[in-house]
Amino acid sequence: MFDTLTGFVVVGVAITLGWILGRIDLLGPHARHVLSRMTFFVLSPFLLFVVLAQADVRTLFSALLPVSAIAAVVIFVIYAVIARFVWRRNIGETLVGTLSAGQVNSNNIGIPLSLYLLGSAAFPAPVILLQLLVFTPITMAIFEATGSGHRRAFPIIRRTLTNPIVVGSVLGVLVSVSGVPLPPIVLDPAQLIADACVPILLISYGISLHGQRVFGPSGRRRDILLASGLKLLVMPVIAWAVADFVFHLSARDVLVVTVLAALPTAQNVFNYAQRFDVGETIARDTVFLTTVGCIPILLFITVLLG
């Protein structure tokens, strides 16, 4: 249990540091914007390239992939239907909320927690692959279409395919599939830049928390509660049921997919919300609630299934 909590302490220290920096205004009024763009356009692509390039192909395309995909899609559909057709949210807010409910923090928190909880940092690789090569291009295409106002297919496809996060992910998978190890002269500089991504992203998130409070006057309290509830409670149950009763996975693999499904909302969702200036409150509060709330959930899962 102590090793499990270590992963959360690491994340919590970085976020707290960001909050302190925001409180004393050390980095100035444009810090959030600058760090957000730095993370989105530079650091995240390098991190995703390094993680995927070094992932085992057998792990990338294991049975964990379809189970995680089914669990995520079910959650996406539930949230999107309620937000769009019952609450009449616009497309941008619906998309941010949908991602907040079903996209897990498989990288920043998933990798260290997978190491502490499951004994290997490789288990989140299929989820990283799914989110970055399937969900992210679709997400970027929708953001580009709604943000720019253009509906023509070619410009949307072009901007999506040239998105730095998509490019970094695709290149990483190609390296992994090729089986050719990267020489140190290529990998080491990429690793150096990639190592800066997680702390800067967490610090940027901590800065955004200063002056804010959960369930602030944004009028989106029920969106946040729905996304958090689906993420923390419903998604792990769906992943467990699909893994056990549909795919009949081993006890270890059932534990793995359930733990991965119970991870908190991906902080990349907050980064997207900042980048496209939509649904930032939904993303920020859901990330906060699920990051705190997943601690007892994960401990319960590991005791129950482990």
C-alpha atoms as a PDB file:
ATOM      1  CA  MET A   1       0.000   0.000   0.000  1.00  0.00           C
ATOM      2  CA  PHE A   2       2.880   2.365   0.723  1.00  0.00           C
ATOM      3  CA  ASP A   3       4.282   1.815  -2.778  1.00  0.00           C
ATOM      4  CA  THR A   4       0.855   2.579  -4.250  1.00  0.00           C
ATOM      5  CA  LEU A   5       0.575   5.849  -2.374  1.00  0.00           C
ATOM      6  CA  THR A   6       4.052   6.827  -3.534  1.00  0.00           C
ATOM      7  CA  GLY A   7       2.775   7.317  -7.068  1.00  0.00           C
ATOM      8  CA  PHE A   8       0.097   9.710  -5.851  1.00  0.00           C
ATOM      9  CA  VAL A   9       2.554  11.597  -3.674  1.00  0.00           C
ATOM     10  CA  VAL A  10       4.814  12.196  -6.676  1.00  0.00           C
ATOM     11  CA  VAL A  11       1.897  13.637  -8.648  1.00  0.00           C
ATOM     12  CA  GLY A  12       0.592  15.613  -5.677  1.00  0.00           C
ATOM     13  CA  VAL A  13       3.917  17.324  -4.998  1.00  0.00           C
ATOM     14  CA  ALA A  14       4.175  18.566  -8.594  1.00  0.00           C
ATOM     15  CA  ILE A  15       0.594  19.871  -8.600  1.00  0.00           C
ATOM     16  CA  THR A  16       1.096  21.558  -5.226  1.00  0.00           C
ATOM     17  CA  LEU A  17       4.247  23.236  -6.510  1.00  0.00           C
ATOM     18  CA  GLY A  18       2.280  24.579  -9.453  1.00  0.00           C
ATOM     19  CA  TRP A  19      -0.416  25.927  -7.136  1.00  0.00           C
ATOM     20  CA  ILE A  20       2.238  27.714  -5.062  1.00  0.00           C
ATOM     21  CA  LEU A  21       3.786  29.218  -8.207  1.00  0.00           C
ATOM     22  CA  GLY A  22       0.367  30.440  -9.244  1.00  0.00           C
ATOM     23  CA  ARG A  23      -0.346  31.881  -5.819  1.00  0.00           C
ATOM     24  CA  ILE A  24       2.869  33.918  -5.680  1.00  0.00           C
ATOM     25  CA  ASP A  25       2.597  34.732  -9.415  1.00  0.00           C
ATOM     26  CA  LEU A  26       6.233  33.803  -9.943  1.00  0.00           C
ATOM     27  CA  LEU A  27       5.884  33.047 -13.652  1.00  0.00           C
ATOM     28  CA  GLY A  28       3.635  35.957 -14.550  1.00  0.00           C
ATOM     29  CA  PRO A  29       0.109  36.165 -15.943  1.00  0.00           C
ATOM     30  CA  HIS A  30       0.914  34.261 -19.153  1.00  0.00           C
ATOM     31  CA  ALA A  31       2.405  31.190 -17.466  1.00  0.00           C
ATOM     32  CA  ARG A  32      -0.590  28.922 -18.036  1.00  0.00           C
ATOM     33  CA  HIS A  33      -0.806  29.787 -21.711  1.00  0.00           C
ATOM     34  CA  VAL A  34       2.917  29.365 -22.350  1.00  0.00           C
ATOM     35  CA  LEU A  35       3.204  26.081 -20.435  1.00  0.00           C
ATOM     36  CA  SER A  36       0.073  24.749 -22.124  1.00  0.00           C
ATOM     37  CA  ARG A  37       1.456  25.425 -25.602  1.00  0.00           C
ATOM     38  CA  MET A  38       4.870  24.053 -24.650  1.00  0.00           C
ATOM     39  CA  THR A  39       3.279  20.823 -23.407  1.00  0.00           C
ATOM     40  CA  PHE A  40       0.902  20.418 -26.344  1.00  0.00           C
ATOM     41  CA  PHE A  41       3.254  21.227 -29.219  1.00  0.00           C
ATOM     42  CA  VAL A  42       6.647  20.059 -27.930  1.00  0.00           C
ATOM     43  CA  LEU A  43       6.851  17.957 -24.786  1.00  0.00           C
ATOM     44  CA  SER A  44       3.851  15.613 -25.198  1.00  0.00           C
ATOM     45  CA  PRO A  45       4.844  14.504 -28.722  1.00  0.00           C
ATOM     46  CA  PHE A  46       8.348  13.628 -27.526  1.00  0.00           C
ATOM     47  CA  LEU A  47       7.038  11.759 -24.485  1.00  0.00           C
ATOM     48  CA  LEU A  48       4.543   9.723 -26.495  1.00  0.00           C
ATOM     49  CA  PHE A  49       7.149   8.920 -29.126  1.00  0.00           C
ATOM     50  CA  VAL A  50       9.607   7.647 -26.511  1.00  0.00           C
ATOM     51  CA  VAL A  51       7.014   5.579 -24.596  1.00  0.00           C
ATOM     52  CA  LEU A  52       5.506   3.921 -27.668  1.00  0.00           C
ATOM     53  CA  ALA A  53       8.829   3.416 -29.467  1.00  0.00           C
ATOM     54  CA  GLN A  54      10.129   1.371 -26.527  1.00  0.00           C
ATOM     55  CA  ALA A  55       6.914  -0.583 -25.905  1.00  0.00           C
ATOM     56  CA  ASP A  56       6.770  -4.315 -26.604  1.00  0.00           C
ATOM     57  CA  VAL A  57       4.630  -4.982 -29.690  1.00  0.00           C
ATOM     58  CA  ARG A  58       3.067  -8.025 -28.006  1.00  0.00           C
ATOM     59  CA  THR A  59       1.940  -5.807 -25.126  1.00  0.00           C
ATOM     60  CA  LEU A  60       0.697  -3.076 -27.460  1.00  0.00           C
ATOM     61  CA  PHE A  61      -1.640  -5.432 -29.328  1.00  0.00           C
ATOM     62  CA  SER A  62      -2.624  -7.792 -26.509  1.00  0.00           C
ATOM     63  CA  ALA A  63      -6.150  -8.660 -25.382  1.00  0.00           C
ATOM     64  CA  LEU A  64      -6.017  -5.656 -23.050  1.00  0.00           C
ATOM     65  CA  LEU A  65      -6.574  -3.427 -26.086  1.00  0.00           C
ATOM     66  CA  PRO A  66     -10.139  -4.476 -27.095  1.00  0.00           C
ATOM     67  CA  VAL A  67     -11.320  -4.623 -23.482  1.00  0.00           C
ATOM     68  CA  SER A  68     -10.076  -1.113 -22.791  1.00  0.00           C
ATOM     69  CA  ALA A  69     -11.599   0.078 -26.073  1.00  0.00           C
ATOM     70  CA  ILE A  70     -15.041  -1.331 -25.274  1.00  0.00           C
ATOM     71  CA  ALA A  71     -15.064   0.143 -21.763  1.00  0.00           C
ATOM     72  CA  ALA A  72     -14.050   3.575 -23.042  1.00  0.00           C
ATOM     73  CA  VAL A  73     -16.542   3.627 -25.920  1.00  0.00           C
ATOM     74  CA  VAL A  74     -19.437   2.648 -23.656  1.00  0.00           C
ATOM     75  CA  ILE A  75     -18.589   5.505 -21.289  1.00  0.00           C
ATOM     76  CA  PHE A  76     -18.184   7.926 -24.200  1.00  0.00           C
ATOM     77  CA  VAL A  77     -21.632   7.050 -25.519  1.00  0.00           C
ATOM     78  CA  ILE A  78     -23.349   7.337 -22.129  1.00  0.00           C
ATOM     79  CA  TYR A  79     -21.900  10.756 -21.386  1.00  0.00           C
ATOM     80  CA  ALA A  80     -22.315  12.151 -24.900  1.00  0.00           C
ATOM     81  CA  VAL A  81     -25.971  11.150 -25.123  1.00  0.00           C
ATOM     82  CA  ILE A  82     -26.818  12.749 -21.779  1.00  0.00           C
ATOM     83  CA  ALA A  83     -24.780  15.920 -22.321  1.00  0.00           C
ATOM     84  CA  ARG A  84     -25.763  16.537 -25.934  1.00  0.00           C
ATOM     85  CA  PHE A  85     -29.366  15.400 -26.116  1.00  0.00           C
ATOM     86  CA  VAL A  86     -30.617  15.815 -22.544  1.00  0.00           C
ATOM     87  CA  TRP A  87     -28.648  18.857 -21.327  1.00  0.00           C
ATOM     88  CA  ARG A  88     -28.196  20.401 -24.803  1.00  0.00           C
ATOM     89  CA  ARG A  89     -24.500  21.159 -24.369  1.00  0.00           C
ATOM     90  CA  ASN A  90     -22.598  22.440 -27.382  1.00  0.00           C
ATOM     91  CA  ILE A  91     -20.262  20.119 -29.287  1.00  0.00           C
ATOM     92  CA  GLY A  92     -17.082  21.455 -27.691  1.00  0.00           C
ATOM     93  CA  GLU A  93     -18.276  21.078 -24.095  1.00  0.00           C
ATOM     94  CA  THR A  94     -19.782  17.690 -24.870  1.00  0.00           C
ATOM     95  CA  LEU A  95     -16.483  16.496 -26.311  1.00  0.00           C
ATOM     96  CA  VAL A  96     -14.452  17.732 -23.338  1.00  0.00           C
ATOM     97  CA  GLY A  97     -16.879  16.107 -20.902  1.00  0.00           C
ATOM     98  CA  THR A  98     -16.921  12.878 -22.898  1.00  0.00           C
ATOM     99  CA  LEU A  99     -13.137  12.676 -22.828  1.00  0.00           C
ATOM    100  CA  SER A 100     -13.125  13.566 -19.123  1.00  0.00           C
ATOM    101  CA  ALA A 101     -15.430  10.632 -18.429  1.00  0.00           C
ATOM    102  CA  GLY A 102     -13.658   7.989 -20.490  1.00  0.00           C
ATOM    103  CA  GLN A 103     -10.061   8.909 -21.269  1.00  0.00           C
ATOM    104  CA  VAL A 104      -7.679   7.668 -18.583  1.00  0.00           C
ATOM    105  CA  ASN A 105      -4.372   9.074 -17.424  1.00  0.00           C
ATOM    106  CA  SER A 106      -2.486   6.090 -18.797  1.00  0.00           C
ATOM    107  CA  ASN A 107       0.790   7.950 -19.132  1.00  0.00           C
ATOM    108  CA  ASN A 108       1.477  10.538 -16.407  1.00  0.00           C
ATOM    109  CA  ILE A 109      -0.143   8.528 -13.613  1.00  0.00           C
ATOM    110  CA  GLY A 110      -0.767   5.192 -15.308  1.00  0.00           C
ATOM    111  CA  ILE A 111       2.877   4.318 -15.892  1.00  0.00           C
ATOM    112  CA  PRO A 112       4.140   4.911 -12.327  1.00  0.00           C
ATOM    113  CA  LEU A 113       1.023   3.411 -10.735  1.00  0.00           C
ATOM    114  CA  SER A 114       1.203   0.392 -13.018  1.00  0.00           C
ATOM    115  CA  LEU A 115       4.742  -0.126 -11.798  1.00  0.00           C
ATOM    116  CA  TYR A 116       3.768   0.232  -8.135  1.00  0.00           C
ATOM    117  CA  LEU A 117       0.457  -1.657  -8.296  1.00  0.00           C
ATOM    118  CA  LEU A 118       1.014  -4.297 -10.979  1.00  0.00           C
ATOM    119  CA  GLY A 119       4.783  -4.712 -11.054  1.00  0.00           C
ATOM    120  CA  SER A 120       5.369  -3.486 -14.616  1.00  0.00           C
ATOM    121  CA  ALA A 121       5.268  -0.114 -16.363  1.00  0.00           C
ATOM    122  CA  ALA A 122       4.373  -1.741 -19.699  1.00  0.00           C
ATOM    123  CA  PHE A 123       0.700  -2.499 -19.015  1.00  0.00           C
ATOM    124  CA  PRO A 124      -0.622   0.989 -19.907  1.00  0.00           C
ATOM    125  CA  ALA A 125       0.969   0.786 -23.385  1.00  0.00           C
ATOM    126  CA  PRO A 126      -2.161  -0.639 -25.136  1.00  0.00           C
ATOM    127  CA  VAL A 127      -4.312   2.103 -23.607  1.00  0.00           C
ATOM    128  CA  ILE A 128      -1.797   4.747 -24.653  1.00  0.00           C
ATOM    129  CA  LEU A 129      -1.877   3.293 -28.168  1.00  0.00           C
ATOM    130  CA  LEU A 130      -5.685   3.266 -28.257  1.00  0.00           C
ATOM    131  CA  GLN A 131      -6.078   6.810 -26.991  1.00  0.00           C
ATOM    132  CA  LEU A 132      -3.388   8.366 -29.135  1.00  0.00           C
ATOM    133  CA  LEU A 133      -3.855   6.573 -32.443  1.00  0.00           C
ATOM    134  CA  VAL A 134      -7.650   6.217 -32.384  1.00  0.00           C
ATOM    135  CA  PHE A 135      -9.254   8.648 -29.947  1.00  0.00           C
ATOM    136  CA  THR A 136      -6.842  11.562 -30.361  1.00  0.00           C
ATOM    137  CA  PRO A 137      -7.111  11.918 -34.167  1.00  0.00           C
ATOM    138  CA  ILE A 138     -10.909  11.817 -33.931  1.00  0.00           C
ATOM    139  CA  THR A 139     -10.837  14.312 -31.065  1.00  0.00           C
ATOM    140  CA  MET A 140      -8.504  16.679 -32.886  1.00  0.00           C
ATOM    141  CA  ALA A 141     -10.645  16.493 -36.021  1.00  0.00           C
ATOM    142  CA  ILE A 142     -13.772  17.463 -34.069  1.00  0.00           C
ATOM    143  CA  PHE A 143     -11.964  20.271 -32.253  1.00  0.00           C
ATOM    144  CA  GLU A 144     -10.563  21.566 -35.528  1.00  0.00           C
ATOM    145  CA  ALA A 145     -13.961  21.401 -37.230  1.00  0.00           C
ATOM    146  CA  THR A 146     -15.850  23.139 -34.426  1.00  0.00           C
ATOM    147  CA  GLY A 147     -13.086  25.586 -33.568  1.00  0.00           C
ATOM    148  CA  SER A 148     -12.250  26.780 -37.059  1.00  0.00           C
ATOM    149  CA  GLY A 149     -15.779  26.688 -38.382  1.00  0.00           C
ATOM    150  CA  HIS A 150     -14.631  24.768 -41.475  1.00  0.00           C
ATOM    151  CA  ARG A 151     -16.420  21.549 -42.370  1.00  0.00           C
ATOM    152  CA  ARG A 152     -14.451  20.508 -45.451  1.00  0.00           C
ATOM    153  CA  ALA A 153     -12.847  17.127 -44.982  1.00  0.00           C
ATOM    154  CA  PHE A 154      -9.398  17.713 -46.461  1.00  0.00           C
ATOM    155  CA  PRO A 155      -8.345  20.690 -44.269  1.00  0.00           C
ATOM    156  CA  ILE A 156      -9.591  18.854 -41.163  1.00  0.00           C
ATOM    157  CA  ILE A 157      -7.720  15.674 -42.085  1.00  0.00           C
ATOM    158  CA  ARG A 158      -4.577  17.646 -42.911  1.00  0.00           C
ATOM    159  CA  ARG A 159      -4.593  19.509 -39.580  1.00  0.00           C
ATOM    160  CA  THR A 160      -5.329  16.299 -37.689  1.00  0.00           C
ATOM    161  CA  LEU A 161      -2.541  14.315 -39.342  1.00  0.00           C
ATOM    162  CA  THR A 162      -0.048  17.137 -38.795  1.00  0.00           C
ATOM    163  CA  ASN A 163      -1.046  17.514 -35.142  1.00  0.00           C
ATOM    164  CA  PRO A 164       2.223  17.069 -33.195  1.00  0.00           C
ATOM    165  CA  ILE A 165       0.680  14.646 -30.684  1.00  0.00           C
ATOM    166  CA  VAL A 166      -0.612  12.418 -33.472  1.00  0.00           C
ATOM    167  CA  VAL A 167       2.708  12.612 -35.330  1.00  0.00           C
ATOM    168  CA  GLY A 168       4.718  11.661 -32.230  1.00  0.00           C
ATOM    169  CA  SER A 169       2.420   8.734 -31.478  1.00  0.00           C
ATOM    170  CA  VAL A 170       2.461   7.340 -35.011  1.00  0.00           C
ATOM    171  CA  LEU A 171       6.242   7.573 -35.249  1.00  0.00           C
ATOM    172  CA  GLY A 172       6.610   5.808 -31.904  1.00  0.00           C
ATOM    173  CA  VAL A 173       4.372   2.917 -32.970  1.00  0.00           C
ATOM    174  CA  LEU A 174       6.216   2.575 -36.288  1.00  0.00           C
ATOM    175  CA  VAL A 175       9.515   2.258 -34.437  1.00  0.00           C
ATOM    176  CA  SER A 176       8.045  -0.335 -32.069  1.00  0.00           C
ATOM    177  CA  VAL A 177       6.519  -2.392 -34.885  1.00  0.00           C
ATOM    178  CA  SER A 178       9.748  -2.281 -36.905  1.00  0.00           C
ATOM    179  CA  GLY A 179      11.643  -3.898 -34.048  1.00  0.00           C
ATOM    180  CA  VAL A 180      14.685  -1.750 -34.747  1.00  0.00           C
ATOM    181  CA  PRO A 181      16.059  -0.263 -31.512  1.00  0.00           C
ATOM    182  CA  LEU A 182      16.814   3.419 -31.605  1.00  0.00           C
ATOM    183  CA  PRO A 183      20.507   4.282 -31.220  1.00  0.00           C
ATOM    184  CA  PRO A 184      21.406   6.356 -28.150  1.00  0.00           C
ATOM    185  CA  ILE A 185      22.256   9.340 -30.335  1.00  0.00           C
ATOM    186  CA  VAL A 186      18.548   9.484 -31.292  1.00  0.00           C
ATOM    187  CA  LEU A 187      16.865   8.141 -28.156  1.00  0.00           C
ATOM    188  CA  ASP A 188      18.780  10.042 -25.488  1.00  0.00           C
ATOM    189  CA  PRO A 189      17.968  13.582 -26.724  1.00  0.00           C
ATOM    190  CA  ALA A 190      14.328  12.580 -27.236  1.00  0.00           C
ATOM    191  CA  GLN A 191      14.229  11.082 -23.740  1.00  0.00           C
ATOM    192  CA  LEU A 192      15.707  14.244 -22.247  1.00  0.00           C
ATOM    193  CA  ILE A 193      12.918  16.389 -23.714  1.00  0.00           C
ATOM    194  CA  ALA A 194      10.260  13.771 -22.927  1.00  0.00           C
ATOM    195  CA  ASP A 195      11.245  13.693 -19.253  1.00  0.00           C
ATOM    196  CA  ALA A 196      10.205  17.338 -18.921  1.00  0.00           C
ATOM    197  CA  CYS A 197       6.622  16.687 -20.039  1.00  0.00           C
ATOM    198  CA  VAL A 198       5.028  15.167 -16.949  1.00  0.00           C
ATOM    199  CA  PRO A 199       6.358  17.656 -14.356  1.00  0.00           C
ATOM    200  CA  ILE A 200       5.566  20.683 -16.538  1.00  0.00           C
ATOM    201  CA  LEU A 201       2.079  19.379 -17.303  1.00  0.00           C
ATOM    202  CA  LEU A 202       1.398  18.770 -13.613  1.00  0.00           C
ATOM    203  CA  ILE A 203       2.821  22.165 -12.640  1.00  0.00           C
ATOM    204  CA  SER A 204       0.675  23.842 -15.303  1.00  0.00           C
ATOM    205  CA  TYR A 205      -2.362  22.062 -13.901  1.00  0.00           C
ATOM    206  CA  GLY A 206      -1.437  23.183 -10.377  1.00  0.00           C
ATOM    207  CA  ILE A 207      -1.148  26.807 -11.550  1.00  0.00           C
ATOM    208  CA  SER A 208      -4.653  26.562 -13.018  1.00  0.00           C
ATOM    209  CA  LEU A 209      -6.033  25.517  -9.614  1.00  0.00           C
ATOM    210  CA  HIS A 210      -5.005  28.776  -7.948  1.00  0.00           C
ATOM    211  CA  GLY A 211      -7.976  31.057  -7.459  1.00  0.00           C
ATOM    212  CA  GLN A 212     -10.361  28.298  -8.477  1.00  0.00           C
ATOM    213  CA  ARG A 213     -12.548  26.013  -6.439  1.00  0.00           C
ATOM    214  CA  VAL A 214     -14.214  22.763  -7.345  1.00  0.00           C
ATOM    215  CA  PHE A 215     -17.814  23.308  -8.422  1.00  0.00           C
ATOM    216  CA  GLY A 216     -17.233  27.005  -8.951  1.00  0.00           C
ATOM    217  CA  PRO A 217     -19.904  29.229 -10.509  1.00  0.00           C
ATOM    218  CA  SER A 218     -19.573  27.740 -13.996  1.00  0.00           C
ATOM    219  CA  GLY A 219     -23.017  26.178 -14.168  1.00  0.00           C
ATOM    220  CA  ARG A 220     -21.495  22.799 -15.054  1.00  0.00           C
ATOM    221  CA  ARG A 221     -21.668  20.997 -11.716  1.00  0.00           C
ATOM    222  CA  ARG A 222     -23.772  18.126 -13.007  1.00  0.00           C
ATOM    223  CA  ASP A 223     -21.443  17.678 -16.001  1.00  0.00           C
ATOM    224  CA  ILE A 224     -18.489  17.324 -13.621  1.00  0.00           C
ATOM    225  CA  LEU A 225     -20.345  14.919 -11.336  1.00  0.00           C
ATOM    226  CA  LEU A 226     -21.498  12.770 -14.245  1.00  0.00           C
ATOM    227  CA  ALA A 227     -18.026  12.595 -15.785  1.00  0.00           C
ATOM    228  CA  SER A 228     -16.398  11.825 -12.411  1.00  0.00           C
ATOM    229  CA  GLY A 229     -18.958   9.154 -11.510  1.00  0.00           C
ATOM    230  CA  LEU A 230     -18.647   7.411 -14.861  1.00  0.00           C
ATOM    231  CA  LYS A 231     -14.866   7.538 -14.685  1.00  0.00           C
ATOM    232  CA  LEU A 232     -14.412   6.300 -11.119  1.00  0.00           C
ATOM    233  CA  LEU A 233     -17.284   3.824 -10.724  1.00  0.00           C
ATOM    234  CA  VAL A 234     -18.874   2.745 -13.988  1.00  0.00           C
ATOM    235  CA  MET A 235     -15.830   2.379 -16.233  1.00  0.00           C
ATOM    236  CA  PRO A 236     -13.930  -0.054 -13.943  1.00  0.00           C
ATOM    237  CA  VAL A 237     -17.048  -2.198 -13.574  1.00  0.00           C
ATOM    238  CA  ILE A 238     -17.534  -2.362 -17.346  1.00  0.00           C
ATOM    239  CA  ALA A 239     -13.875  -3.230 -17.915  1.00  0.00           C
ATOM    240  CA  TRP A 240     -14.016  -5.973 -15.262  1.00  0.00           C
ATOM    241  CA  ALA A 241     -17.234  -7.464 -16.688  1.00  0.00           C
ATOM    242  CA  VAL A 242     -16.016  -7.433 -20.302  1.00  0.00           C
ATOM    243  CA  ALA A 243     -12.614  -8.882 -19.388  1.00  0.00           C
ATOM    244  CA  ASP A 244     -14.038 -11.634 -17.175  1.00  0.00           C
ATOM    245  CA  PHE A 245     -17.296 -12.662 -18.838  1.00  0.00           C
ATOM    246  CA  VAL A 246     -16.755 -11.769 -22.512  1.00  0.00           C
ATOM    247  CA  PHE A 247     -13.036 -12.291 -23.156  1.00  0.00           C
ATOM    248  CA  HIS A 248     -12.456 -14.736 -20.267  1.00  0.00           C
ATOM    249  CA  LEU A 249      -9.047 -13.264 -19.501  1.00  0.00           C
ATOM    250  CA  SER A 250      -6.789 -14.590 -16.780  1.00  0.00           C
ATOM    251  CA  ALA A 251      -7.144 -13.277 -13.256  1.00  0.00           C
ATOM    252  CA  ARG A 252      -4.010 -11.169 -13.705  1.00  0.00           C
ATOM    253  CA  ASP A 253      -5.248  -9.590 -16.928  1.00  0.00           C
ATOM    254  CA  VAL A 254      -8.660  -8.890 -15.397  1.00  0.00           C
ATOM    255  CA  LEU A 255      -6.900  -7.057 -12.587  1.00  0.00           C
ATOM    256  CA  VAL A 256      -4.766  -5.119 -15.081  1.00  0.00           C
ATOM    257  CA  VAL A 257      -7.638  -3.861 -17.255  1.00  0.00           C
ATOM    258  CA  THR A 258      -9.756  -2.994 -14.219  1.00  0.00           C
ATOM    259  CA  VAL A 259      -6.933  -0.985 -12.655  1.00  0.00           C
ATOM    260  CA  LEU A 260      -6.291   0.796 -15.955  1.00  0.00           C
ATOM    261  CA  ALA A 261      -9.991   1.668 -16.266  1.00  0.00           C
ATOM    262  CA  ALA A 262     -10.008   3.098 -12.738  1.00  0.00           C
ATOM    263  CA  LEU A 263      -7.155   5.515 -13.421  1.00  0.00           C
ATOM    264  CA  PRO A 264      -8.111   9.200 -13.166  1.00  0.00           C
ATOM    265  CA  THR A 265      -9.062  11.406 -16.081  1.00  0.00           C
ATOM    266  CA  ALA A 266      -6.173  12.129 -18.431  1.00  0.00           C
ATOM    267  CA  GLN A 267      -4.655  15.545 -17.849  1.00  0.00           C
ATOM    268  CA  ASN A 268      -4.262  15.816 -21.603  1.00  0.00           C
ATOM    269  CA  VAL A 269      -8.005  16.495 -21.648  1.00  0.00           C
ATOM    270  CA  PHE A 270      -7.386  19.618 -19.591  1.00  0.00           C
ATOM    271  CA  ASN A 271      -4.580  20.498 -21.984  1.00  0.00           C
ATOM    272  CA  TYR A 272      -6.987  20.157 -24.937  1.00  0.00           C
ATOM    273  CA  ALA A 273      -9.596  22.254 -23.155  1.00  0.00           C
ATOM    274  CA  GLN A 274      -7.014  24.996 -22.598  1.00  0.00           C
ATOM    275  CA  ARG A 275      -5.719  24.769 -26.144  1.00  0.00           C
ATOM    276  CA  PHE A 276      -9.156  25.080 -27.765  1.00  0.00           C
ATOM    277  CA  ASP A 277     -10.656  27.300 -25.022  1.00  0.00           C
ATOM    278  CA  VAL A 278     -13.722  25.184 -24.307  1.00  0.00           C
ATOM    279  CA  GLY A 279     -14.944  23.210 -21.285  1.00  0.00           C
ATOM    280  CA  GLU A 280     -11.910  24.067 -19.154  1.00  0.00           C
ATOM    281  CA  THR A 281     -13.881  23.980 -15.896  1.00  0.00           C
ATOM    282  CA  ILE A 282     -15.307  20.548 -16.683  1.00  0.00           C
ATOM    283  CA  ALA A 283     -11.885  19.129 -17.488  1.00  0.00           C
ATOM    284  CA  ARG A 284     -10.076  20.793 -14.568  1.00  0.00           C
ATOM    285  CA  ASP A 285     -12.580  19.763 -11.887  1.00  0.00           C
ATOM    286  CA  THR A 286     -13.017  16.237 -13.226  1.00  0.00           C
ATOM    287  CA  VAL A 287      -9.252  15.713 -13.308  1.00  0.00           C
ATOM    288  CA  PHE A 288      -9.044  16.940  -9.709  1.00  0.00           C
ATOM    289  CA  LEU A 289     -11.949  14.843  -8.389  1.00  0.00           C
ATOM    290  CA  THR A 290     -10.908  11.648 -10.160  1.00  0.00           C
ATOM    291  CA  THR A 291      -7.237  12.036  -9.191  1.00  0.00           C
ATOM    292  CA  VAL A 292      -8.223  12.265  -5.530  1.00  0.00           C
ATOM    293  CA  GLY A 293     -11.116   9.816  -5.717  1.00  0.00           C
ATOM    294  CA  CYS A 294      -9.274   7.051  -7.545  1.00  0.00           C
ATOM    295  CA  ILE A 295      -6.980   6.368  -4.576  1.00  0.00           C
ATOM    296  CA  PRO A 296      -9.513   4.365  -2.513  1.00  0.00           C
ATOM    297  CA  ILE A 297     -10.983   2.866  -5.702  1.00  0.00           C
ATOM    298  CA  LEU A 298      -7.617   1.519  -6.841  1.00  0.00           C
ATOM    299  CA  LEU A 299      -6.776   0.200  -3.398  1.00  0.00           C
ATOM    300  CA  PHE A 300     -10.149  -1.570  -3.233  1.00  0.00           C
ATOM    301  CA  ILE A 301      -9.672  -3.122  -6.694  1.00  0.00           C
ATOM    302  CA  THR A 302      -6.197  -4.431  -5.914  1.00  0.00           C
ATOM    303  CA  VAL A 303      -7.397  -5.975  -2.657  1.00  0.00           C
ATOM    304  CA  LEU A 304     -10.550  -7.454  -4.232  1.00  0.00           C
ATOM    305  CA  LEU A 305      -8.999  -8.825  -7.438  1.00  0.00           C
ATOM    306  CA  GLY A 306      -5.334  -9.093  -6.487  1.00  0.00           C
END
